[in-house]
C-alpha atoms as a PDB file:
ATOM      1  CA  UNK A   1       6.401   7.160  17.534  1.00  0.00           C
ATOM      2  CA  UNK A   2       4.745   4.150  18.906  1.00  0.00           C
ATOM      3  CA  UNK A   3       1.793   6.756  18.792  1.00  0.00           C
ATOM      4  CA  UNK A   4       1.874   8.654  15.678  1.00  0.00           C
ATOM      5  CA  UNK A   5       2.323   5.385  13.790  1.00  0.00           C
ATOM      6  CA  UNK A   6      -0.966   3.683  15.893  1.00  0.00           C
ATOM      7  CA  UNK A   7      -2.845   7.066  14.539  1.00  0.00           C
ATOM      8  CA  UNK A   8      -1.450   7.182  11.280  1.00  0.00           C
ATOM      9  CA  UNK A   9      -2.308   2.489  11.627  1.00  0.00           C
ATOM     10  CA  UNK A  10      -5.799   4.208  12.103  1.00  0.00           C
ATOM     11  CA  UNK A  11      -6.225   6.927  10.185  1.00  0.00           C
ATOM     12  CA  UNK A  12      -5.378   4.525   6.891  1.00  0.00           C
ATOM     13  CA  UNK A  13      -7.125   2.028   7.766  1.00  0.00           C
ATOM     14  CA  UNK A  14     -10.769   4.547   7.605  1.00  0.00           C
ATOM     15  CA  UNK A  15      -9.938   5.861   4.258  1.00  0.00           C
ATOM     16  CA  UNK A  16      -9.644   2.403   3.024  1.00  0.00           C
ATOM     17  CA  UNK A  17     -11.698   0.725   4.178  1.00  0.00           C
ATOM     18  CA  UNK A  18     -14.219   4.359   3.489  1.00  0.00           C
ATOM     19  CA  UNK A  19     -12.749   3.500  -0.096  1.00  0.00           C
ATOM     20  CA  UNK A  20     -14.129   1.050  -0.411  1.00  0.00           C
ATOM     21  CA  UNK A  21     -17.069   1.652   0.438  1.00  0.00           C
ATOM     22  CA  UNK A  22     -17.359   3.892  -2.876  1.00  0.00           C
ATOM     23  CA  UNK A  23     -16.294   1.728  -4.160  1.00  0.00           C
ATOM     24  CA  UNK A  24     -12.413   3.540  -5.549  1.00  0.00           C
ATOM     25  CA  UNK A  25     -10.521   2.008  -8.263  1.00  0.00           C
ATOM     26  CA  UNK A  26      -7.348   1.037  -7.512  1.00  0.00           C
ATOM     27  CA  UNK A  27      -5.461   3.748  -8.182  1.00  0.00           C
ATOM     28  CA  UNK A  28      -7.231   5.195  -5.182  1.00  0.00           C
ATOM     29  CA  UNK A  29      -6.325   3.070  -3.269  1.00  0.00           C
ATOM     30  CA  UNK A  30      -2.614   2.551  -4.341  1.00  0.00           C
ATOM     31  CA  UNK A  31      -2.023   6.414  -2.671  1.00  0.00           C
ATOM     32  CA  UNK A  32      -3.272   5.487   0.352  1.00  0.00           C
ATOM     33  CA  UNK A  33      -1.675   3.016   0.847  1.00  0.00           C
ATOM     34  CA  UNK A  34       1.849   5.382  -0.180  1.00  0.00           C
ATOM     35  CA  UNK A  35       0.106   7.786   1.700  1.00  0.00           C
ATOM     36  CA  UNK A  36       0.174   6.335   5.128  1.00  0.00           C
ATOM     37  CA  UNK A  37       3.518   5.430   4.044  1.00  0.00           C
ATOM     38  CA  UNK A  38       5.560   8.166   3.314  1.00  0.00           C
ATOM     39  CA  UNK A  39       4.335   9.040   6.811  1.00  0.00           C
ATOM     40  CA  UNK A  40       5.315   6.018   8.995  1.00  0.00           C
ATOM     41  CA  UNK A  41       8.716   5.443   8.410  1.00  0.00           C
ATOM     42  CA  UNK A  42      10.323   7.214  10.597  1.00  0.00           C
ATOM     43  CA  UNK A  43      14.014   7.177   8.747  1.00  0.00           C
ATOM     44  CA  UNK A  44      12.322   9.035   5.427  1.00  0.00           C
ATOM     45  CA  UNK A  45      15.218  10.493   4.099  1.00  0.00           C
ATOM     46  CA  UNK A  46      16.155   7.509   4.118  1.00  0.00           C
ATOM     47  CA  UNK A  47      13.875   6.141   1.327  1.00  0.00           C
ATOM     48  CA  UNK A  48      12.446   6.231  -2.218  1.00  0.00           C
ATOM     49  CA  UNK A  49       8.319   5.539  -1.752  1.00  0.00           C
ATOM     50  CA  UNK A  50       7.050   5.865  -5.647  1.00  0.00           C
ATOM     51  CA  UNK A  51       5.423   4.391  -8.290  1.00  0.00           C
ATOM     52  CA  UNK A  52       7.972   1.928 -11.332  1.00  0.00           C
ATOM     53  CA  UNK A  53       6.999   0.646 -14.382  1.00  0.00           C
ATOM     54  CA  UNK A  54       3.249  -0.490 -12.847  1.00  0.00           C
ATOM     55  CA  UNK A  55       3.825  -1.692  -9.945  1.00  0.00           C
ATOM     56  CA  UNK A  56       1.861   0.621  -7.550  1.00  0.00           C
ATOM     57  CA  UNK A  57       4.333   0.769  -4.560  1.00  0.00           C
ATOM     58  CA  UNK A  58       8.113   0.321  -4.395  1.00  0.00           C
ATOM     59  CA  UNK A  59      10.224   1.588  -1.028  1.00  0.00           C
ATOM     60  CA  UNK A  60      13.882   1.970  -2.506  1.00  0.00           C
ATOM     61  CA  UNK A  61      16.601   2.463  -0.109  1.00  0.00           C
ATOM     62  CA  UNK A  62      20.098   3.597  -0.862  1.00  0.00           C
ATOM     63  CA  UNK A  63      18.433   3.567  -4.900  1.00  0.00           C
ATOM     64  CA  UNK A  64      17.899  -0.793  -4.378  1.00  0.00           C
ATOM     65  CA  UNK A  65      14.264  -1.542  -4.883  1.00  0.00           C
ATOM     66  CA  UNK A  66      13.181  -3.502  -1.409  1.00  0.00           C
ATOM     67  CA  UNK A  67       9.919  -4.361  -0.703  1.00  0.00           C
ATOM     68  CA  UNK A  68       6.988  -3.880  -4.318  1.00  0.00           C
ATOM     69  CA  UNK A  69       3.635  -3.610  -2.951  1.00  0.00           C
ATOM     70  CA  UNK A  70       0.348  -4.147  -5.261  1.00  0.00           C
ATOM     71  CA  UNK A  71      -3.533  -3.162  -4.207  1.00  0.00           C
ATOM     72  CA  UNK A  72      -6.673  -4.651  -5.396  1.00  0.00           C
ATOM     73  CA  UNK A  73      -9.837  -4.378  -5.194  1.00  0.00           C
ATOM     74  CA  UNK A  74     -11.966  -6.762  -2.870  1.00  0.00           C
ATOM     75  CA  UNK A  75     -13.980  -6.896  -5.929  1.00  0.00           C
ATOM     76  CA  UNK A  76     -11.154  -8.135  -8.214  1.00  0.00           C
ATOM     77  CA  UNK A  77     -11.009 -11.672  -7.440  1.00  0.00           C
ATOM     78  CA  UNK A  78      -8.996 -12.167 -11.009  1.00  0.00           C
ATOM     79  CA  UNK A  79      -6.287 -10.873  -9.032  1.00  0.00           C
ATOM     80  CA  UNK A  80      -7.057 -11.385  -5.776  1.00  0.00           C
ATOM     81  CA  UNK A  81      -4.288 -14.172  -3.406  1.00  0.00           C
ATOM     82  CA  UNK A  82      -6.179 -16.921  -1.999  1.00  0.00           C
ATOM     83  CA  UNK A  83      -4.326 -19.938   0.675  1.00  0.00           C
ATOM     84  CA  UNK A  84      -4.836 -22.685  -2.270  1.00  0.00           C
ATOM     85  CA  UNK A  85      -1.978 -23.576  -4.686  1.00  0.00           C
ATOM     86  CA  UNK A  86      -3.885 -25.558  -6.643  1.00  0.00           C
ATOM     87  CA  UNK A  87      -3.284 -25.241 -10.049  1.00  0.00           C
ATOM     88  CA  UNK A  88       0.436 -24.473  -9.532  1.00  0.00           C
END
């Protein structure tokens, strides 16, 4: 299982790096992330991974949302998280 996860992680990083180099849109990155999550979770039948409304990736367990993921292009500086809490 660990070896499979490592292979999936390497493949994910390669795909994301290629998408960034090709200046792909956030939608493309979202699909790469969801594909990685679906192939990497060991108990696939226990998890539902999909978009929900305007949220890029939602992971649900027994129909209850557990994790929210938003994908952003690195060039989208206005929506990127920072280590500064100024203005809050």
